[in-house]
Amino acid sequence: MWTWLICLIYILGRIVHKSLTKMRNVIIL
C-alpha cells in the first residue's frame, strides 16, 4: 500500500515538474 502511494506521489511530482518547466520556457520565450 505504501509503495503504491509513493509511486503516485512520484508520478504527480514529475507531471508538476514538467508543467513548471514548460511554463518557465514559455515565460522565457
PDB file of N, CA and C in Angstrom:
ATOM      1  N   MET A   1       0.836  -1.198   0.000  1.00  0.00           N
ATOM      2  CA  MET A   1       0.000   0.000   0.000  1.00  0.00           C
ATOM      3  C   MET A   1       0.880   1.261   0.000  1.00  0.00           C
ATOM      4  N   TRP A   2       1.894   1.269   0.878  1.00  0.00           N
ATOM      5  CA  TRP A   2       2.787   2.441   0.953  1.00  0.00           C
ATOM      6  C   TRP A   2       3.536   2.657  -0.355  1.00  0.00           C
ATOM      7  N   THR A   3       3.990   1.568  -0.951  1.00  0.00           N
ATOM      8  CA  THR A   3       4.754   1.676  -2.201  1.00  0.00           C
ATOM      9  C   THR A   3       3.905   2.294  -3.306  1.00  0.00           C
ATOM     10  N   TRP A   4       2.626   1.927  -3.357  1.00  0.00           N
ATOM     11  CA  TRP A   4       1.708   2.463  -4.369  1.00  0.00           C
ATOM     12  C   TRP A   4       1.531   3.956  -4.166  1.00  0.00           C
ATOM     13  N   LEU A   5       1.408   4.370  -2.899  1.00  0.00           N
ATOM     14  CA  LEU A   5       1.244   5.787  -2.556  1.00  0.00           C
ATOM     15  C   LEU A   5       2.486   6.570  -2.975  1.00  0.00           C
ATOM     16  N   ILE A   6       3.665   6.021  -2.695  1.00  0.00           N
ATOM     17  CA  ILE A   6       4.937   6.671  -3.056  1.00  0.00           C
ATOM     18  C   ILE A   6       5.030   6.807  -4.576  1.00  0.00           C
ATOM     19  N   CYS A   7       4.633   5.758  -5.298  1.00  0.00           N
ATOM     20  CA  CYS A   7       4.661   5.798  -6.769  1.00  0.00           C
ATOM     21  C   CYS A   7       3.745   6.898  -7.292  1.00  0.00           C
ATOM     22  N   LEU A   8       2.555   7.014  -6.711  1.00  0.00           N
ATOM     23  CA  LEU A   8       1.586   8.020  -7.131  1.00  0.00           C
ATOM     24  C   LEU A   8       2.133   9.422  -6.911  1.00  0.00           C
ATOM     25  N   ILE A   9       2.732   9.660  -5.730  1.00  0.00           N
ATOM     26  CA  ILE A   9       3.323  10.965  -5.403  1.00  0.00           C
ATOM     27  C   ILE A   9       4.461  11.270  -6.381  1.00  0.00           C
ATOM     28  N   TYR A  10       5.286  10.252  -6.685  1.00  0.00           N
ATOM     29  CA  TYR A  10       6.408  10.424  -7.601  1.00  0.00           C
ATOM     30  C   TYR A  10       5.932  10.830  -8.996  1.00  0.00           C
ATOM     31  N   ILE A  11       4.889  10.143  -9.498  1.00  0.00           N
ATOM     32  CA  ILE A  11       4.332  10.437 -10.823  1.00  0.00           C
ATOM     33  C   ILE A  11       3.743  11.851 -10.846  1.00  0.00           C
ATOM     34  N   LEU A  12       2.995  12.204  -9.786  1.00  0.00           N
ATOM     35  CA  LEU A  12       2.401  13.548  -9.694  1.00  0.00           C
ATOM     36  C   LEU A  12       3.493  14.606  -9.682  1.00  0.00           C
ATOM     37  N   GLY A  13       4.547  14.362  -8.929  1.00  0.00           N
ATOM     38  CA  GLY A  13       5.669  15.289  -8.845  1.00  0.00           C
ATOM     39  C   GLY A  13       6.331  15.506 -10.197  1.00  0.00           C
ATOM     40  N   ARG A  14       6.483  14.412 -10.942  1.00  0.00           N
ATOM     41  CA  ARG A  14       7.090  14.512 -12.279  1.00  0.00           C
ATOM     42  C   ARG A  14       6.219  15.344 -13.219  1.00  0.00           C
ATOM     43  N   ILE A  15       4.889  15.127 -13.155  1.00  0.00           N
ATOM     44  CA  ILE A  15       3.952  15.871 -14.010  1.00  0.00           C
ATOM     45  C   ILE A  15       4.019  17.357 -13.669  1.00  0.00           C
ATOM     46  N   VAL A  16       4.033  17.666 -12.361  1.00  0.00           N
ATOM     47  CA  VAL A  16       4.095  19.059 -11.909  1.00  0.00           C
ATOM     48  C   VAL A  16       5.400  19.697 -12.384  1.00  0.00           C
ATOM     49  N   HIS A  17       6.509  18.955 -12.251  1.00  0.00           N
ATOM     50  CA  HIS A  17       7.817  19.468 -12.665  1.00  0.00           C
ATOM     51  C   HIS A  17       7.827  19.768 -14.174  1.00  0.00           C
ATOM     52  N   LYS A  18       7.244  18.854 -14.954  1.00  0.00           N
ATOM     53  CA  LYS A  18       7.179  19.039 -16.415  1.00  0.00           C
ATOM     54  C   LYS A  18       6.391  20.282 -16.766  1.00  0.00           C
ATOM     55  N   SER A  19       5.219  20.445 -16.135  1.00  0.00           N
ATOM     56  CA  SER A  19       4.372  21.608 -16.412  1.00  0.00           C
ATOM     57  C   SER A  19       5.069  22.904 -16.000  1.00  0.00           C
ATOM     58  N   LEU A  20       5.794  22.873 -14.870  1.00  0.00           N
ATOM     59  CA  LEU A  20       6.513  24.062 -14.402  1.00  0.00           C
ATOM     60  C   LEU A  20       7.612  24.455 -15.384  1.00  0.00           C
ATOM     61  N   THR A  21       8.363  23.466 -15.873  1.00  0.00           N
ATOM     62  CA  THR A  21       9.432  23.745 -16.833  1.00  0.00           C
ATOM     63  C   THR A  21       8.835  24.287 -18.137  1.00  0.00           C
ATOM     64  N   LYS A  22       7.688  23.756 -18.546  1.00  0.00           N
ATOM     65  CA  LYS A  22       7.022  24.214 -19.763  1.00  0.00           C
ATOM     66  C   LYS A  22       6.603  25.674 -19.609  1.00  0.00           C
ATOM     67  N   MET A  23       5.997  26.002 -18.451  1.00  0.00           N
ATOM     68  CA  MET A  23       5.579  27.368 -18.163  1.00  0.00           C
ATOM     69  C   MET A  23       6.781  28.312 -18.167  1.00  0.00           C
ATOM     70  N   ARG A  24       7.877  27.877 -17.557  1.00  0.00           N
ATOM     71  CA  ARG A  24       9.102  28.679 -17.485  1.00  0.00           C
ATOM     72  C   ARG A  24       9.635  28.948 -18.890  1.00  0.00           C
ATOM     73  N   ASN A  25       9.621  27.932 -19.739  1.00  0.00           N
ATOM     74  CA  ASN A  25      10.094  28.086 -21.124  1.00  0.00           C
ATOM     75  C   ASN A  25       9.233  29.102 -21.869  1.00  0.00           C
ATOM     76  N   VAL A  26       7.926  29.052 -21.650  1.00  0.00           N
ATOM     77  CA  VAL A  26       7.000  29.983 -22.305  1.00  0.00           C
ATOM     78  C   VAL A  26       7.291  31.403 -21.837  1.00  0.00           C
ATOM     79  N   ILE A  27       7.521  31.571 -20.525  1.00  0.00           N
ATOM     80  CA  ILE A  27       7.803  32.899 -19.963  1.00  0.00           C
ATOM     81  C   ILE A  27       9.126  33.441 -20.545  1.00  0.00           C
ATOM     82  N   ILE A  28      10.141  32.571 -20.652  1.00  0.00           N
ATOM     83  CA  ILE A  28      11.448  32.982 -21.184  1.00  0.00           C
ATOM     84  C   ILE A  28      11.294  33.399 -22.656  1.00  0.00           C
ATOM     85  N   LEU A  29      10.553  32.611 -23.416  1.00  0.00           N
ATOM     86  CA  LEU A  29      10.346  32.903 -24.835  1.00  0.00           C
ATOM     87  C   LEU A  29       9.454  34.131 -24.989  1.00  0.00           C
TER      88      LEU A  29
END
